Amino acid sequence: MILLKDLSNRSPILGAAIFSVEGLPLISHFHAGTEEVSVAAMVAGIHAAGEQTVKELKQGDLKSIIIQGDLGTTLVINISTDYLLTVTAPENAALGLIFSDAKRAARDARKILHQM
């Protein structure tokens, strides 16, 4: 999907993927060596835990999850009830810019997925 490649080319985002909430990869544009099946399963688990957390805390519907490590940030955004956008960025990238670019990509992906 050109959408993910463009996202990585014009923003600080290093890689991006669309996964099902069940943990199946739909499409990805990560660096070589990334096991997209494993990442998809982990993202689905994190998403499920996040959904349960916001439900228990009465925070409404889960919209996104931010995971920050020493070497970078991973952002998971709901595209729809069935799909998630996952993006990675280096530790020095501005979180606001990553979030803005990823939200725009999620909206574009939602339109494309609804046409399928």
C-alpha atoms as a PDB file:
ATOM      1  CA  MET A   1       0.000   0.000   0.000  1.00  0.00           C
ATOM      2  CA  ILE A   2       1.533   3.252  -1.143  1.00  0.00           C
ATOM      3  CA  LEU A   3      -0.049   5.026   1.848  1.00  0.00           C
ATOM      4  CA  LEU A   4       2.348   3.343   4.301  1.00  0.00           C
ATOM      5  CA  LYS A   5       5.415   3.867   2.133  1.00  0.00           C
ATOM      6  CA  ASP A   6       4.577   7.559   1.682  1.00  0.00           C
ATOM      7  CA  LEU A   7       4.041   7.916   5.422  1.00  0.00           C
ATOM      8  CA  SER A   8       7.553   6.595   6.086  1.00  0.00           C
ATOM      9  CA  ASN A   9       9.074   8.777   3.364  1.00  0.00           C
ATOM     10  CA  ARG A  10       7.608  12.158   4.367  1.00  0.00           C
ATOM     11  CA  SER A  11       7.594  12.076   8.145  1.00  0.00           C
ATOM     12  CA  PRO A  12       9.831  10.949  11.000  1.00  0.00           C
ATOM     13  CA  ILE A  13       7.954   7.633  10.991  1.00  0.00           C
ATOM     14  CA  LEU A  14      10.355   4.758  10.284  1.00  0.00           C
ATOM     15  CA  GLY A  15       7.834   1.997   9.621  1.00  0.00           C
ATOM     16  CA  ALA A  16       4.110   1.391   9.497  1.00  0.00           C
ATOM     17  CA  ALA A  17       1.687  -1.503   9.271  1.00  0.00           C
ATOM     18  CA  ILE A  18      -1.990  -2.284   9.257  1.00  0.00           C
ATOM     19  CA  PHE A  19      -2.981  -5.266  11.393  1.00  0.00           C
ATOM     20  CA  SER A  20      -6.326  -6.828  12.208  1.00  0.00           C
ATOM     21  CA  VAL A  21      -7.439  -6.629  15.835  1.00  0.00           C
ATOM     22  CA  GLU A  22      -7.154 -10.439  15.821  1.00  0.00           C
ATOM     23  CA  GLY A  23      -3.410 -10.140  15.212  1.00  0.00           C
ATOM     24  CA  LEU A  24      -3.155 -10.812  11.496  1.00  0.00           C
ATOM     25  CA  PRO A  25      -0.947  -8.621   9.300  1.00  0.00           C
ATOM     26  CA  LEU A  26      -2.728  -6.957   6.384  1.00  0.00           C
ATOM     27  CA  ILE A  27       0.143  -4.884   4.987  1.00  0.00           C
ATOM     28  CA  SER A  28       3.381  -3.519   6.364  1.00  0.00           C
ATOM     29  CA  HIS A  29       6.289  -1.272   5.521  1.00  0.00           C
ATOM     30  CA  PHE A  30       8.855  -1.993   8.255  1.00  0.00           C
ATOM     31  CA  HIS A  31      12.629  -2.272   8.029  1.00  0.00           C
ATOM     32  CA  ALA A  32      14.094  -5.601   6.949  1.00  0.00           C
ATOM     33  CA  GLY A  33      14.185  -8.252   9.624  1.00  0.00           C
ATOM     34  CA  THR A  34      10.944  -7.234  11.321  1.00  0.00           C
ATOM     35  CA  GLU A  35       8.744 -10.274  11.951  1.00  0.00           C
ATOM     36  CA  GLU A  36       5.401  -8.735  11.018  1.00  0.00           C
ATOM     37  CA  VAL A  37       3.420 -11.799  12.166  1.00  0.00           C
ATOM     38  CA  SER A  38       4.953 -11.604  15.643  1.00  0.00           C
ATOM     39  CA  VAL A  39       4.495  -7.832  15.821  1.00  0.00           C
ATOM     40  CA  ALA A  40       0.864  -8.175  14.667  1.00  0.00           C
ATOM     41  CA  ALA A  41       0.167 -10.678  17.459  1.00  0.00           C
ATOM     42  CA  MET A  42       1.824  -8.459  20.077  1.00  0.00           C
ATOM     43  CA  VAL A  43      -0.023  -5.355  18.887  1.00  0.00           C
ATOM     44  CA  ALA A  44      -3.331  -7.240  19.038  1.00  0.00           C
ATOM     45  CA  GLY A  45      -2.570  -8.284  22.624  1.00  0.00           C
ATOM     46  CA  ILE A  46      -1.617  -4.752  23.635  1.00  0.00           C
ATOM     47  CA  HIS A  47      -4.767  -3.432  21.955  1.00  0.00           C
ATOM     48  CA  ALA A  48      -6.960  -5.951  23.784  1.00  0.00           C
ATOM     49  CA  ALA A  49      -5.365  -4.986  27.108  1.00  0.00           C
ATOM     50  CA  GLY A  50      -5.842  -1.302  26.296  1.00  0.00           C
ATOM     51  CA  GLU A  51      -9.506  -1.833  25.465  1.00  0.00           C
ATOM     52  CA  GLN A  52     -10.056  -3.658  28.749  1.00  0.00           C
ATOM     53  CA  THR A  53      -8.225  -0.928  30.655  1.00  0.00           C
ATOM     54  CA  VAL A  54     -10.287   1.965  29.260  1.00  0.00           C
ATOM     55  CA  LYS A  55     -13.445  -0.079  29.838  1.00  0.00           C
ATOM     56  CA  GLU A  56     -12.561  -0.759  33.489  1.00  0.00           C
ATOM     57  CA  LEU A  57     -11.570   2.873  34.057  1.00  0.00           C
ATOM     58  CA  LYS A  58     -14.716   4.112  32.285  1.00  0.00           C
ATOM     59  CA  GLN A  59     -12.675   6.134  29.778  1.00  0.00           C
ATOM     60  CA  GLY A  60     -14.879   5.490  26.723  1.00  0.00           C
ATOM     61  CA  ASP A  61     -13.557   3.794  23.604  1.00  0.00           C
ATOM     62  CA  LEU A  62      -9.857   3.147  23.038  1.00  0.00           C
ATOM     63  CA  LYS A  63      -8.427   5.408  20.327  1.00  0.00           C
ATOM     64  CA  SER A  64      -4.662   4.935  20.535  1.00  0.00           C
ATOM     65  CA  ILE A  65      -1.761   3.498  22.503  1.00  0.00           C
ATOM     66  CA  ILE A  66       1.715   5.010  22.827  1.00  0.00           C
ATOM     67  CA  ILE A  67       4.662   2.746  23.661  1.00  0.00           C
ATOM     68  CA  GLN A  68       7.935   4.535  24.357  1.00  0.00           C
ATOM     69  CA  GLY A  69      11.265   2.749  24.563  1.00  0.00           C
ATOM     70  CA  ASP A  70      14.835   3.977  24.929  1.00  0.00           C
ATOM     71  CA  LEU A  71      15.367   3.850  21.168  1.00  0.00           C
ATOM     72  CA  GLY A  72      11.994   4.906  19.842  1.00  0.00           C
ATOM     73  CA  THR A  73       8.242   5.176  19.987  1.00  0.00           C
ATOM     74  CA  THR A  74       5.528   2.851  18.726  1.00  0.00           C
ATOM     75  CA  LEU A  75       2.033   4.203  18.216  1.00  0.00           C
ATOM     76  CA  VAL A  76      -1.074   2.060  17.709  1.00  0.00           C
ATOM     77  CA  ILE A  77      -4.188   3.811  16.365  1.00  0.00           C
ATOM     78  CA  ASN A  78      -7.623   2.362  15.696  1.00  0.00           C
ATOM     79  CA  ILE A  79      -8.508   2.557  12.011  1.00  0.00           C
ATOM     80  CA  SER A  80     -11.861   0.845  12.513  1.00  0.00           C
ATOM     81  CA  THR A  81     -13.322  -1.807  14.786  1.00  0.00           C
ATOM     82  CA  ASP A  82     -11.404  -4.425  12.769  1.00  0.00           C
ATOM     83  CA  TYR A  83      -8.037  -2.801  11.933  1.00  0.00           C
ATOM     84  CA  LEU A  84      -5.150  -1.015  13.639  1.00  0.00           C
ATOM     85  CA  LEU A  85      -2.400   1.214  12.284  1.00  0.00           C
ATOM     86  CA  THR A  86       0.970   0.706  13.957  1.00  0.00           C
ATOM     87  CA  VAL A  87       3.839   3.125  13.366  1.00  0.00           C
ATOM     88  CA  THR A  88       7.387   3.325  14.701  1.00  0.00           C
ATOM     89  CA  ALA A  89       9.591   6.390  15.055  1.00  0.00           C
ATOM     90  CA  PRO A  90      13.043   7.150  16.496  1.00  0.00           C
ATOM     91  CA  GLU A  91      13.422   8.432  20.059  1.00  0.00           C
ATOM     92  CA  ASN A  92      14.234  11.964  18.903  1.00  0.00           C
ATOM     93  CA  ALA A  93      11.065  12.368  16.793  1.00  0.00           C
ATOM     94  CA  ALA A  94       8.442  14.828  18.018  1.00  0.00           C
ATOM     95  CA  LEU A  95       5.507  12.870  19.415  1.00  0.00           C
ATOM     96  CA  GLY A  96       2.989  15.462  18.197  1.00  0.00           C
ATOM     97  CA  LEU A  97       4.235  15.184  14.617  1.00  0.00           C
ATOM     98  CA  ILE A  98       4.209  11.380  14.719  1.00  0.00           C
ATOM     99  CA  PHE A  99       0.699  11.381  16.142  1.00  0.00           C
ATOM    100  CA  SER A 100      -0.580  13.901  13.583  1.00  0.00           C
ATOM    101  CA  ASP A 101       0.908  12.012  10.615  1.00  0.00           C
ATOM    102  CA  ALA A 102      -0.342   8.670  11.925  1.00  0.00           C
ATOM    103  CA  LYS A 103      -3.877   9.966  12.533  1.00  0.00           C
ATOM    104  CA  ARG A 104      -3.994  11.316   8.974  1.00  0.00           C
ATOM    105  CA  ALA A 105      -2.785   7.964   7.623  1.00  0.00           C
ATOM    106  CA  ALA A 106      -5.384   6.128   9.726  1.00  0.00           C
ATOM    107  CA  ARG A 107      -8.159   8.307   8.243  1.00  0.00           C
ATOM    108  CA  ASP A 108      -6.878   7.631   4.719  1.00  0.00           C
ATOM    109  CA  ALA A 109      -6.590   3.900   5.416  1.00  0.00           C
ATOM    110  CA  ARG A 110     -10.151   3.866   6.810  1.00  0.00           C
ATOM    111  CA  LYS A 111     -11.449   5.329   3.533  1.00  0.00           C
ATOM    112  CA  ILE A 112      -9.517   2.779   1.478  1.00  0.00           C
ATOM    113  CA  LEU A 113     -10.635  -0.174   3.630  1.00  0.00           C
ATOM    114  CA  HIS A 114     -14.282   0.905   3.425  1.00  0.00           C
ATOM    115  CA  GLN A 115     -14.035   0.883  -0.384  1.00  0.00           C
ATOM    116  CA  MET A 116     -12.826  -2.725  -0.410  1.00  0.00           C
END
